[in-house]
Amino acid sequence: MKYRYKTQGTCSQMIEMEVNDGIVSNVVFYGGCDGNLKGISRLVEGMRAEDVVSRLSGIRCGMKSTSCPDQLAYALDKILKKND
């Protein structure tokens, strides 16, 4: 299923992703650091959503309390809890 998440506190404004049977695919960030976010998107492709949440939760960007990877983890966590 395809999901959209409006990020908060980051340079990126939106994340689109698909989660099917707990597997993450087709992650696209809108805004933010293009090359880094494309890299993150490729790295999480095919991973279990729980593993992405575990690895990316709590990452901060400079003095900010969150980051684009942390926002991806937050979005996936919400999706997982919603589908329980």
Protein backbone atom coordinates (compact mmCIF):
# COMPACT_ATOMS: atom_id res chain seq x y z
CA MET A 1 0.00 0.00 0.00
CA LYS A 2 1.23 3.49 -0.82
CA TYR A 3 1.61 6.06 1.97
CA ARG A 4 2.41 9.76 2.19
CA TYR A 5 3.83 11.43 5.27
CA LYS A 6 4.23 15.19 5.74
CA THR A 7 7.52 15.62 7.56
CA GLN A 8 8.02 17.97 10.50
CA GLY A 9 11.19 19.81 11.47
CA THR A 10 13.26 18.82 8.42
CA CYS A 11 14.29 20.30 5.07
CA SER A 12 12.28 17.65 3.25
CA GLN A 13 8.55 18.34 3.18
CA MET A 14 7.06 14.96 2.26
CA ILE A 15 7.93 11.27 2.08
CA GLU A 16 6.12 8.80 -0.15
CA MET A 17 6.64 5.08 0.36
CA GLU A 18 5.07 1.71 -0.12
CA VAL A 19 4.79 -0.92 2.57
CA ASN A 20 3.54 -4.33 1.54
CA ASP A 21 3.62 -7.28 3.95
CA GLY A 22 5.94 -5.25 6.18
CA ILE A 23 8.50 -4.63 3.41
CA VAL A 24 9.49 -1.07 2.46
CA SER A 25 9.82 -0.02 -1.19
CA ASN A 26 9.72 2.99 -3.49
CA VAL A 27 10.70 5.59 -0.88
CA VAL A 28 10.79 9.13 -2.28
CA PHE A 29 11.67 12.25 -0.30
CA TYR A 30 10.49 15.65 -1.54
CA GLY A 31 12.93 18.42 -0.67
CA GLY A 32 15.99 18.03 1.50
CA CYS A 33 19.49 16.86 0.56
CA ASP A 34 18.83 15.13 -2.74
CA GLY A 35 21.82 12.79 -2.94
CA ASN A 36 21.72 11.73 0.70
CA LEU A 37 18.01 11.05 0.62
CA LYS A 38 18.25 9.07 -2.61
CA GLY A 39 20.95 7.00 -0.89
CA ILE A 40 18.74 6.36 2.14
CA SER A 41 15.87 5.41 -0.15
CA ARG A 42 18.01 2.81 -1.92
CA LEU A 43 19.44 1.45 1.32
CA VAL A 44 16.01 0.79 2.85
CA GLU A 45 14.56 -0.73 -0.35
CA GLY A 46 13.38 -4.26 0.43
CA MET A 47 14.02 -3.98 4.17
CA ARG A 48 11.51 -4.94 6.84
CA ALA A 49 9.83 -1.79 8.17
CA GLU A 50 10.68 -2.81 11.75
CA ASP A 51 14.38 -2.93 10.85
CA VAL A 52 14.26 0.51 9.24
CA VAL A 53 12.57 1.93 12.35
CA SER A 54 15.16 0.29 14.59
CA ARG A 55 18.12 1.64 12.61
CA LEU A 56 16.92 5.16 11.82
CA SER A 57 14.92 6.24 14.89
CA GLY A 58 16.48 9.01 16.91
CA ILE A 59 18.97 10.26 14.31
CA ARG A 60 19.32 14.00 14.64
CA CYS A 61 20.36 16.60 12.06
CA GLY A 62 22.68 19.13 13.65
CA MET A 63 20.86 20.92 16.46
CA LYS A 64 17.43 19.77 15.27
CA SER A 65 15.58 17.19 17.35
CA THR A 66 14.88 15.09 14.25
CA SER A 67 16.20 14.35 10.75
CA CYS A 68 14.92 13.03 7.44
CA PRO A 69 15.88 9.43 8.36
CA ASP A 70 14.21 9.86 11.76
CA GLN A 71 11.06 11.14 10.05
CA LEU A 72 11.04 8.08 7.78
CA ALA A 73 11.32 5.87 10.86
CA TYR A 74 8.52 7.79 12.56
CA ALA A 75 6.25 7.43 9.52
CA LEU A 76 6.94 3.70 9.25
CA ASP A 77 6.31 3.23 12.97
CA LYS A 78 2.91 4.92 12.59
CA ILE A 79 2.11 2.69 9.62
CA LEU A 80 3.08 -0.45 11.53
CA LYS A 81 0.98 0.52 14.56
CA LYS A 82 -1.99 1.41 12.37
CA ASN A 83 -1.85 -1.99 10.65
CA ASP A 84 -1.63 -4.03 13.85
